[in-house]
Amino acid sequence: MTTEQLLSDTATALAAIRQQDLPLLQQPLDWQSKYRLLMQLGKKLPPIPEKMRQNEWLVRGCESRAWLLHYYDNSSDKHYFVLDSEARIVKGLLAIMLSFVNGLSQQELKQLDLQRAFDALNLKPYLSQSRSNGLNAMLNRIRHCLNE
């Protein structure tokens, strides 16, 4: 799989998650239903090929290994991300986070309160401390990518 194909497939999956799945998560579902939905979200994203799972793209601070690749299209001023994780629930949580930021411009990203957008889904009360730490690590990694 080429990087371009991976970016395209991921962008399509993240757009579908944003349009179809996030409204479901905002409904008052029990935790088991939300948990199942999160697991399904991770399956919607294409896996990163083994050869692309480089240490430089590992997200430090995640208990499970997770990789985040960032691509900035200078001509359109848009940021694109690809992620993968060995843990399906982590991949689902990170897919939500990336669905908010993928394809946005630098200015749009500066105006976005990603923490607030994620918190609006009311998942935090159900997350373990280690998963919350992993989400914060991903948030910091995204911010780092934007400042490179």
Protein backbone atom coordinates (compact mmCIF):
# COMPACT_ATOMS: atom_id res chain seq x y z
CA MET A 1 0.00 0.00 0.00
CA THR A 2 1.34 3.43 -0.91
CA THR A 3 1.35 6.38 1.46
CA GLU A 4 -1.09 8.19 -0.83
CA GLN A 5 -3.53 5.27 -0.74
CA LEU A 6 -3.21 5.00 3.03
CA LEU A 7 -3.90 8.74 3.43
CA SER A 8 -6.89 8.54 1.09
CA ASP A 9 -8.40 5.44 2.73
CA THR A 10 -7.90 6.93 6.19
CA ALA A 11 -9.46 10.27 5.19
CA THR A 12 -12.51 8.48 3.82
CA ALA A 13 -12.89 6.38 6.98
CA LEU A 14 -12.44 9.38 9.31
CA ALA A 15 -15.05 11.40 7.38
CA ALA A 16 -17.52 8.52 7.73
CA ILE A 17 -16.78 8.25 11.45
CA ARG A 18 -17.35 11.99 11.89
CA GLN A 19 -20.66 11.94 9.99
CA GLN A 20 -22.15 8.59 11.00
CA ASP A 21 -20.60 7.34 14.22
CA LEU A 22 -20.00 10.45 16.33
CA PRO A 23 -23.73 11.25 16.44
CA LEU A 24 -24.31 7.72 17.81
CA LEU A 25 -21.69 8.22 20.52
CA GLN A 26 -23.40 11.43 21.60
CA GLN A 27 -26.61 9.54 22.33
CA PRO A 28 -27.20 8.31 25.88
CA LEU A 29 -26.00 4.76 25.36
CA ASP A 30 -24.85 2.44 28.11
CA TRP A 31 -21.09 1.96 28.38
CA GLN A 32 -21.11 -1.51 26.83
CA SER A 33 -22.81 -0.15 23.70
CA LYS A 34 -20.32 2.71 23.48
CA TYR A 35 -17.45 0.30 24.05
CA ARG A 36 -18.62 -1.93 21.18
CA LEU A 37 -18.95 1.12 18.94
CA LEU A 38 -15.41 2.24 19.83
CA MET A 39 -14.08 -1.21 18.94
CA GLN A 40 -15.85 -1.03 15.58
CA LEU A 41 -14.41 2.40 14.85
CA GLY A 42 -10.89 1.04 15.07
CA LYS A 43 -11.74 -1.59 12.48
CA LYS A 44 -12.88 1.08 10.00
CA LEU A 45 -9.37 2.48 9.65
CA PRO A 46 -6.85 0.79 7.39
CA PRO A 47 -3.89 -0.75 9.21
CA ILE A 48 -0.48 0.82 8.74
CA PRO A 49 1.75 -1.63 6.87
CA GLU A 50 4.41 -3.21 9.05
CA LYS A 51 7.23 -1.46 7.14
CA MET A 52 5.72 1.93 8.10
CA ARG A 53 5.52 1.15 11.82
CA GLN A 54 8.68 3.05 12.63
CA ASN A 55 9.75 4.03 16.13
CA GLU A 56 9.77 7.70 15.13
CA TRP A 57 5.97 7.54 14.70
CA LEU A 58 5.25 5.80 17.99
CA VAL A 59 3.14 7.90 20.33
CA ARG A 60 5.04 8.12 23.59
CA GLY A 61 2.81 7.83 26.63
CA CYS A 62 0.36 5.29 25.20
CA GLU A 63 0.32 2.03 27.13
CA SER A 64 -0.46 0.15 23.91
CA ARG A 65 1.77 0.76 20.94
CA ALA A 66 0.20 3.37 18.67
CA TRP A 67 1.64 5.04 15.59
CA LEU A 68 0.68 8.45 14.22
CA LEU A 69 1.83 9.59 10.81
CA HIS A 70 1.33 13.21 9.80
CA TYR A 71 1.31 14.68 6.32
CA TYR A 72 1.03 18.38 5.60
CA ASP A 73 -0.10 19.41 2.11
CA ASN A 74 1.55 22.77 1.62
CA SER A 75 -0.43 23.64 -1.50
CA SER A 76 -3.81 23.28 0.24
CA ASP A 77 -2.61 24.10 3.78
CA LYS A 78 -4.27 20.91 5.03
CA HIS A 79 -3.07 18.42 7.65
CA TYR A 80 -3.69 14.70 7.25
CA PHE A 81 -3.10 11.91 9.72
CA VAL A 82 -2.87 8.13 9.69
CA LEU A 83 -2.90 6.05 12.84
CA ASP A 84 -2.75 2.49 13.98
CA SER A 85 -2.63 0.72 17.32
CA GLU A 86 -2.26 -2.82 18.52
CA ALA A 87 -5.29 -2.30 20.79
CA ARG A 88 -8.68 -1.96 19.10
CA ILE A 89 -10.21 0.25 21.80
CA VAL A 90 -7.22 2.61 21.63
CA LYS A 91 -7.47 2.71 17.85
CA GLY A 92 -11.17 3.55 18.13
CA LEU A 93 -10.56 6.34 20.63
CA LEU A 94 -7.75 7.79 18.52
CA ALA A 95 -9.90 7.52 15.39
CA ILE A 96 -12.44 9.79 17.07
CA MET A 97 -9.76 12.30 17.91
CA LEU A 98 -8.39 12.29 14.37
CA SER A 99 -11.86 12.58 12.87
CA PHE A 100 -11.97 16.07 14.38
CA VAL A 101 -8.64 17.23 12.92
CA ASN A 102 -8.01 15.36 9.67
CA GLY A 103 -8.08 17.59 6.58
CA LEU A 104 -8.15 20.87 8.48
CA SER A 105 -6.00 23.89 7.72
CA GLN A 106 -3.48 25.34 10.15
CA GLN A 107 -5.89 28.16 11.02
CA GLU A 108 -8.83 25.78 11.55
CA LEU A 109 -6.71 23.62 13.81
CA LYS A 110 -5.61 26.60 15.88
CA GLN A 111 -9.27 27.54 16.44
CA LEU A 112 -10.37 24.00 17.32
CA ASP A 113 -10.56 23.05 20.98
CA LEU A 114 -9.88 19.37 20.45
CA GLN A 115 -10.11 18.54 24.14
CA ARG A 116 -13.55 20.11 24.37
CA ALA A 117 -14.75 18.37 21.19
CA PHE A 118 -13.65 15.01 22.56
CA ASP A 119 -15.06 15.71 26.03
CA ALA A 120 -18.48 16.45 24.46
CA LEU A 121 -18.76 12.73 23.69
CA ASN A 122 -18.84 12.02 27.45
CA LEU A 123 -16.43 9.10 27.29
CA LYS A 124 -13.99 10.26 29.94
CA PRO A 125 -15.89 8.90 32.96
CA TYR A 126 -15.56 5.42 31.46
CA LEU A 127 -11.88 5.53 30.56
CA SER A 128 -9.14 4.12 32.72
CA GLN A 129 -6.34 6.40 33.82
CA SER A 130 -3.94 4.75 31.36
CA ARG A 131 -6.33 5.31 28.42
CA SER A 132 -6.83 8.93 29.46
CA ASN A 133 -3.06 9.32 29.59
CA GLY A 134 -2.80 7.79 26.12
CA LEU A 135 -5.37 10.24 24.75
CA ASN A 136 -3.44 13.13 26.28
CA ALA A 137 -0.24 11.78 24.72
CA MET A 138 -1.96 11.65 21.33
CA LEU A 139 -3.30 15.17 21.77
CA ASN A 140 0.23 16.38 22.56
CA ARG A 141 1.62 14.51 19.56
CA ILE A 142 -0.94 16.13 17.24
CA ARG A 143 -0.03 19.55 18.62
CA HIS A 144 3.65 18.74 18.09
CA CYS A 145 2.96 17.77 14.45
CA LEU A 146 1.26 21.11 13.86
CA ASN A 147 4.25 23.04 15.17
CA GLU A 148 6.87 21.22 13.09
